[in-house]
Amino acid sequence: MAKQKKEKINVVYSTNPDFNFQFIEEEEIETLPNAQQLLYVSIDRKQRGGKEVTLVEGFVGKEDDLKELGKLLKSKCGVGGTVKDNEILIQGNFRDKVFDLMTKEGYKVKKKGG
């Protein structure tokens, strides 16, 4: 995994060799159970050269669980995709298939857009 930069707080410069930086602690959000998740599935074409992607938004939980869900959806649809910015992007127009798969997994899902 890549190193994550932590933000240092209240530091301009120190000549003290024993000085320890204070870092902002990021809290890990617990993943909600599938039945309590409300996810939105939509088709997106913006800034993608006219190509369609299926976008899944609204996941609340750990990033590892989101990546696992993304991996499941990509394998069931048989296409590529990515997980970033707390969203799952599936290449192609698979809104109905993703909707059905996530409903079977126990998620509350809504279609967003036309």
N, C-alpha and C. Protein backbone atom coordinates (compact mmCIF):
# COMPACT_ATOMS: atom_id res chain seq x y z
N MET A 1 0.83 -1.18 0.00
CA MET A 1 0.00 0.00 0.00
C MET A 1 0.88 1.24 0.00
N ALA A 2 0.35 2.30 -0.54
CA ALA A 2 1.06 3.56 -0.58
C ALA A 2 1.02 4.22 0.79
N LYS A 3 2.06 4.98 1.08
CA LYS A 3 2.10 5.69 2.34
C LYS A 3 1.08 6.82 2.30
N GLN A 4 0.37 6.97 3.41
CA GLN A 4 -0.59 8.06 3.49
C GLN A 4 0.06 9.21 4.23
N LYS A 5 -0.06 10.40 3.66
CA LYS A 5 0.48 11.58 4.31
C LYS A 5 -0.45 12.00 5.42
N LYS A 6 0.09 12.18 6.59
CA LYS A 6 -0.69 12.69 7.70
C LYS A 6 -0.38 14.17 7.85
N GLU A 7 -1.38 14.93 8.16
CA GLU A 7 -1.19 16.36 8.30
C GLU A 7 -0.59 16.66 9.67
N LYS A 8 0.47 17.45 9.66
CA LYS A 8 1.10 17.88 10.90
C LYS A 8 0.38 19.13 11.38
N ILE A 9 0.20 19.23 12.69
CA ILE A 9 -0.50 20.39 13.22
C ILE A 9 0.43 21.22 14.09
N ASN A 10 0.27 22.53 14.03
CA ASN A 10 0.98 23.50 14.86
C ASN A 10 2.49 23.40 14.75
N VAL A 11 3.03 23.19 13.55
CA VAL A 11 4.47 23.11 13.37
C VAL A 11 4.89 24.08 12.28
N VAL A 12 5.82 24.96 12.63
CA VAL A 12 6.42 25.83 11.64
C VAL A 12 7.86 25.38 11.44
N TYR A 13 8.63 25.34 12.55
CA TYR A 13 10.00 24.88 12.49
C TYR A 13 10.47 24.61 13.90
N SER A 14 11.27 23.60 14.10
CA SER A 14 11.79 23.30 15.43
C SER A 14 13.24 22.86 15.31
N THR A 15 14.08 23.39 16.22
CA THR A 15 15.49 22.99 16.27
C THR A 15 15.73 21.96 17.35
N ASN A 16 14.72 21.59 18.09
CA ASN A 16 14.83 20.61 19.15
C ASN A 16 14.96 19.22 18.53
N PRO A 17 16.09 18.52 18.81
CA PRO A 17 16.26 17.20 18.19
C PRO A 17 15.30 16.14 18.74
N ASP A 18 14.73 16.38 19.91
CA ASP A 18 13.80 15.42 20.52
C ASP A 18 12.34 15.78 20.24
N PHE A 19 12.12 16.70 19.31
CA PHE A 19 10.77 17.16 19.04
C PHE A 19 10.00 16.09 18.28
N ASN A 20 8.76 15.82 18.69
CA ASN A 20 7.89 14.87 18.02
C ASN A 20 6.71 15.62 17.43
N PHE A 21 6.43 15.36 16.17
CA PHE A 21 5.31 16.01 15.51
C PHE A 21 4.00 15.46 16.05
N GLN A 22 2.97 16.31 16.05
CA GLN A 22 1.62 15.87 16.36
C GLN A 22 0.88 15.71 15.04
N PHE A 23 0.19 14.60 14.91
CA PHE A 23 -0.53 14.32 13.68
C PHE A 23 -2.03 14.32 13.94
N ILE A 24 -2.78 14.68 12.91
CA ILE A 24 -4.23 14.61 12.98
C ILE A 24 -4.62 13.15 12.82
N GLU A 25 -5.38 12.64 13.77
CA GLU A 25 -5.81 11.24 13.71
C GLU A 25 -7.10 11.15 12.92
N GLU A 26 -7.13 10.25 11.95
CA GLU A 26 -8.34 10.01 11.17
C GLU A 26 -9.06 8.81 11.75
N GLU A 27 -10.33 9.00 12.07
CA GLU A 27 -11.11 7.91 12.63
C GLU A 27 -11.62 7.00 11.51
N GLU A 28 -11.56 5.71 11.76
CA GLU A 28 -12.06 4.72 10.80
C GLU A 28 -13.55 4.54 11.06
N ILE A 29 -14.36 4.73 10.03
CA ILE A 29 -15.80 4.61 10.16
C ILE A 29 -16.18 3.13 10.09
N GLU A 30 -17.00 2.69 11.02
CA GLU A 30 -17.47 1.30 11.01
C GLU A 30 -18.44 1.10 9.84
N THR A 31 -18.36 -0.04 9.22
CA THR A 31 -19.23 -0.37 8.10
C THR A 31 -20.62 -0.74 8.61
N LEU A 32 -21.62 -0.09 8.05
CA LEU A 32 -23.00 -0.40 8.41
C LEU A 32 -23.40 -1.75 7.82
N PRO A 33 -24.34 -2.46 8.46
CA PRO A 33 -24.83 -3.71 7.86
C PRO A 33 -25.49 -3.43 6.51
N ASN A 34 -25.54 -4.45 5.66
CA ASN A 34 -26.07 -4.28 4.31
C ASN A 34 -27.48 -3.71 4.30
N ALA A 35 -28.33 -4.14 5.22
CA ALA A 35 -29.72 -3.70 5.24
C ALA A 35 -29.86 -2.21 5.59
N GLN A 36 -28.85 -1.64 6.25
CA GLN A 36 -28.91 -0.23 6.64
C GLN A 36 -28.25 0.70 5.63
N GLN A 37 -27.57 0.14 4.64
CA GLN A 37 -26.91 0.94 3.62
C GLN A 37 -27.95 1.41 2.60
N LEU A 38 -27.86 2.68 2.20
CA LEU A 38 -28.70 3.19 1.12
C LEU A 38 -27.76 3.64 0.01
N LEU A 39 -27.74 2.89 -1.07
CA LEU A 39 -26.82 3.15 -2.17
C LEU A 39 -27.58 3.63 -3.39
N TYR A 40 -26.94 4.51 -4.16
CA TYR A 40 -27.53 5.06 -5.37
C TYR A 40 -26.74 4.56 -6.58
N VAL A 41 -27.45 4.03 -7.57
CA VAL A 41 -26.84 3.52 -8.79
C VAL A 41 -27.26 4.41 -9.94
N SER A 42 -26.30 4.89 -10.73
CA SER A 42 -26.62 5.77 -11.85
C SER A 42 -25.64 5.53 -13.00
N ILE A 43 -25.98 6.11 -14.15
CA ILE A 43 -25.11 6.08 -15.33
C ILE A 43 -24.48 7.46 -15.46
N ASP A 44 -23.17 7.49 -15.69
CA ASP A 44 -22.47 8.76 -15.79
C ASP A 44 -21.68 8.80 -17.09
N ARG A 45 -21.74 9.92 -17.79
CA ARG A 45 -20.99 10.11 -19.05
C ARG A 45 -20.10 11.34 -19.00
N LYS A 46 -20.18 12.11 -17.93
CA LYS A 46 -19.47 13.39 -17.86
C LYS A 46 -17.96 13.19 -17.78
N GLN A 47 -17.24 13.94 -18.57
CA GLN A 47 -15.78 13.96 -18.60
C GLN A 47 -15.17 12.58 -18.83
N ARG A 48 -15.83 11.77 -19.64
CA ARG A 48 -15.33 10.43 -19.95
C ARG A 48 -15.28 10.17 -21.44
N GLY A 49 -15.27 11.20 -22.24
CA GLY A 49 -15.19 11.04 -23.68
C GLY A 49 -16.42 10.38 -24.27
N GLY A 50 -17.58 10.55 -23.65
CA GLY A 50 -18.81 9.96 -24.16
C GLY A 50 -19.04 8.53 -23.74
N LYS A 51 -18.07 7.92 -23.05
CA LYS A 51 -18.23 6.53 -22.60
C LYS A 51 -19.04 6.49 -21.32
N GLU A 52 -19.82 5.44 -21.18
CA GLU A 52 -20.68 5.31 -20.02
C GLU A 52 -20.01 4.50 -18.92
N VAL A 53 -20.26 4.90 -17.68
CA VAL A 53 -19.86 4.10 -16.52
C VAL A 53 -21.06 4.00 -15.59
N THR A 54 -21.12 2.91 -14.88
CA THR A 54 -22.14 2.73 -13.85
C THR A 54 -21.52 3.20 -12.55
N LEU A 55 -22.19 4.12 -11.87
CA LEU A 55 -21.67 4.77 -10.67
C LEU A 55 -22.48 4.34 -9.46
N VAL A 56 -21.81 3.85 -8.41
CA VAL A 56 -22.46 3.46 -7.17
C VAL A 56 -21.97 4.41 -6.08
N GLU A 57 -22.91 5.13 -5.46
CA GLU A 57 -22.56 6.12 -4.44
C GLU A 57 -23.31 5.84 -3.15
N GLY A 58 -22.79 6.42 -2.05
CA GLY A 58 -23.51 6.40 -0.79
C GLY A 58 -23.05 5.34 0.20
N PHE A 59 -21.96 4.65 -0.07
CA PHE A 59 -21.49 3.60 0.83
C PHE A 59 -20.92 4.23 2.10
N VAL A 60 -21.33 3.70 3.26
CA VAL A 60 -20.82 4.17 4.54
C VAL A 60 -20.05 3.04 5.18
N GLY A 61 -18.74 3.23 5.36
CA GLY A 61 -17.95 2.19 5.99
C GLY A 61 -16.49 2.26 5.63
N LYS A 62 -15.79 1.19 5.95
CA LYS A 62 -14.35 1.10 5.72
C LYS A 62 -14.06 0.97 4.23
N GLU A 63 -12.91 1.49 3.85
CA GLU A 63 -12.54 1.46 2.43
C GLU A 63 -12.29 0.03 1.95
N ASP A 64 -11.80 -0.83 2.83
CA ASP A 64 -11.58 -2.22 2.43
C ASP A 64 -12.89 -2.91 2.07
N ASP A 65 -13.95 -2.62 2.82
CA ASP A 65 -15.26 -3.22 2.52
C ASP A 65 -15.81 -2.67 1.20
N LEU A 66 -15.57 -1.40 0.93
CA LEU A 66 -16.00 -0.80 -0.33
C LEU A 66 -15.26 -1.44 -1.50
N LYS A 67 -13.95 -1.66 -1.34
CA LYS A 67 -13.17 -2.31 -2.40
C LYS A 67 -13.65 -3.74 -2.65
N GLU A 68 -14.02 -4.42 -1.56
CA GLU A 68 -14.53 -5.79 -1.71
C GLU A 68 -15.84 -5.80 -2.49
N LEU A 69 -16.72 -4.85 -2.19
CA LEU A 69 -17.98 -4.75 -2.92
C LEU A 69 -17.72 -4.42 -4.39
N GLY A 70 -16.78 -3.51 -4.65
CA GLY A 70 -16.42 -3.17 -6.03
C GLY A 70 -15.88 -4.37 -6.78
N LYS A 71 -15.07 -5.16 -6.12
CA LYS A 71 -14.50 -6.35 -6.74
C LYS A 71 -15.60 -7.35 -7.10
N LEU A 72 -16.57 -7.51 -6.19
CA LEU A 72 -17.69 -8.41 -6.44
C LEU A 72 -18.49 -7.95 -7.66
N LEU A 73 -18.81 -6.66 -7.71
CA LEU A 73 -19.60 -6.13 -8.83
C LEU A 73 -18.86 -6.26 -10.15
N LYS A 74 -17.56 -5.95 -10.16
CA LYS A 74 -16.78 -6.05 -11.39
C LYS A 74 -16.72 -7.49 -11.89
N SER A 75 -16.56 -8.44 -10.98
CA SER A 75 -16.47 -9.84 -11.42
C SER A 75 -17.82 -10.35 -11.91
N LYS A 76 -18.91 -9.96 -11.26
CA LYS A 76 -20.24 -10.41 -11.70
C LYS A 76 -20.64 -9.81 -13.04
N CYS A 77 -20.19 -8.56 -13.30
CA CYS A 77 -20.51 -7.92 -14.58
C CYS A 77 -19.51 -8.31 -15.67
N GLY A 78 -18.36 -8.82 -15.28
CA GLY A 78 -17.36 -9.24 -16.26
C GLY A 78 -16.64 -8.09 -16.93
N VAL A 79 -16.50 -6.96 -16.24
CA VAL A 79 -15.85 -5.78 -16.81
C VAL A 79 -14.90 -5.19 -15.78
N GLY A 80 -14.18 -4.17 -16.20
CA GLY A 80 -13.27 -3.46 -15.32
C GLY A 80 -13.97 -2.34 -14.59
N GLY A 81 -13.22 -1.72 -13.74
CA GLY A 81 -13.75 -0.59 -12.99
C GLY A 81 -12.76 -0.17 -11.93
N THR A 82 -13.20 0.74 -11.06
CA THR A 82 -12.32 1.23 -10.00
C THR A 82 -13.14 1.67 -8.81
N VAL A 83 -12.45 1.81 -7.69
CA VAL A 83 -13.05 2.34 -6.47
C VAL A 83 -12.22 3.53 -6.05
N LYS A 84 -12.84 4.72 -6.07
CA LYS A 84 -12.13 5.91 -5.60
C LYS A 84 -13.12 6.97 -5.17
N ASP A 85 -12.70 7.83 -4.29
CA ASP A 85 -13.53 8.92 -3.77
C ASP A 85 -14.84 8.40 -3.19
N ASN A 86 -14.77 7.25 -2.52
CA ASN A 86 -15.94 6.64 -1.88
C ASN A 86 -17.05 6.30 -2.90
N GLU A 87 -16.65 6.00 -4.13
CA GLU A 87 -17.58 5.62 -5.19
C GLU A 87 -17.03 4.40 -5.91
N ILE A 88 -17.92 3.63 -6.49
CA ILE A 88 -17.53 2.48 -7.32
C ILE A 88 -17.89 2.82 -8.75
N LEU A 89 -16.91 2.71 -9.65
CA LEU A 89 -17.13 2.95 -11.08
C LEU A 89 -16.99 1.63 -11.81
N ILE A 90 -18.04 1.23 -12.52
CA ILE A 90 -18.04 0.01 -13.33
C ILE A 90 -18.10 0.44 -14.79
N GLN A 91 -17.19 -0.04 -15.62
CA GLN A 91 -17.16 0.36 -17.02
C GLN A 91 -18.36 -0.21 -17.76
N GLY A 92 -19.09 0.68 -18.42
CA GLY A 92 -20.23 0.25 -19.22
C GLY A 92 -21.56 0.54 -18.54
N ASN A 93 -22.63 0.27 -19.27
CA ASN A 93 -23.98 0.51 -18.78
C ASN A 93 -24.53 -0.77 -18.16
N PHE A 94 -24.33 -0.93 -16.85
CA PHE A 94 -24.77 -2.11 -16.12
C PHE A 94 -25.66 -1.73 -14.95
N ARG A 95 -26.41 -0.62 -15.08
CA ARG A 95 -27.21 -0.12 -13.96
C ARG A 95 -28.21 -1.16 -13.47
N ASP A 96 -28.96 -1.78 -14.38
CA ASP A 96 -29.98 -2.75 -13.97
C ASP A 96 -29.35 -4.00 -13.34
N LYS A 97 -28.26 -4.48 -13.91
CA LYS A 97 -27.59 -5.66 -13.39
C LYS A 97 -27.00 -5.39 -12.00
N VAL A 98 -26.37 -4.23 -11.84
CA VAL A 98 -25.81 -3.85 -10.54
C VAL A 98 -26.92 -3.69 -9.51
N PHE A 99 -28.04 -3.09 -9.93
CA PHE A 99 -29.19 -2.92 -9.04
C PHE A 99 -29.68 -4.27 -8.53
N ASP A 100 -29.83 -5.25 -9.44
CA ASP A 100 -30.29 -6.58 -9.06
C ASP A 100 -29.29 -7.30 -8.15
N LEU A 101 -28.00 -7.22 -8.49
CA LEU A 101 -26.97 -7.88 -7.68
C LEU A 101 -26.93 -7.32 -6.26
N MET A 102 -27.02 -6.01 -6.14
CA MET A 102 -26.94 -5.40 -4.82
C MET A 102 -28.20 -5.65 -4.01
N THR A 103 -29.34 -5.76 -4.66
CA THR A 103 -30.58 -6.09 -3.96
C THR A 103 -30.49 -7.51 -3.41
N LYS A 104 -29.91 -8.44 -4.18
CA LYS A 104 -29.73 -9.81 -3.72
C LYS A 104 -28.76 -9.89 -2.54
N GLU A 105 -27.78 -8.98 -2.51
CA GLU A 105 -26.81 -8.94 -1.41
C GLU A 105 -27.41 -8.35 -0.14
N GLY A 106 -28.60 -7.76 -0.25
CA GLY A 106 -29.27 -7.23 0.93
C GLY A 106 -29.17 -5.72 1.12
N TYR A 107 -28.63 -5.01 0.13
CA TYR A 107 -28.51 -3.56 0.22
C TYR A 107 -29.82 -2.90 -0.18
N LYS A 108 -30.07 -1.71 0.39
CA LYS A 108 -31.17 -0.87 -0.10
C LYS A 108 -30.60 -0.06 -1.25
N VAL A 109 -31.19 -0.17 -2.41
CA VAL A 109 -30.64 0.48 -3.60
C VAL A 109 -31.71 1.30 -4.28
N LYS A 110 -31.29 2.49 -4.77
CA LYS A 110 -32.19 3.33 -5.55
C LYS A 110 -31.50 3.69 -6.84
N LYS A 111 -32.29 3.74 -7.91
CA LYS A 111 -31.75 4.19 -9.20
C LYS A 111 -31.81 5.70 -9.22
N LYS A 112 -30.76 6.30 -9.73
CA LYS A 112 -30.64 7.74 -9.74
C LYS A 112 -30.50 8.19 -11.19
N GLY A 113 -31.20 9.22 -11.57
CA GLY A 113 -31.12 9.72 -12.95
C GLY A 113 -32.18 9.08 -13.83
N GLY A 114 -32.07 9.35 -15.15
CA GLY A 114 -33.09 8.89 -16.11
C GLY A 114 -33.01 7.46 -16.34
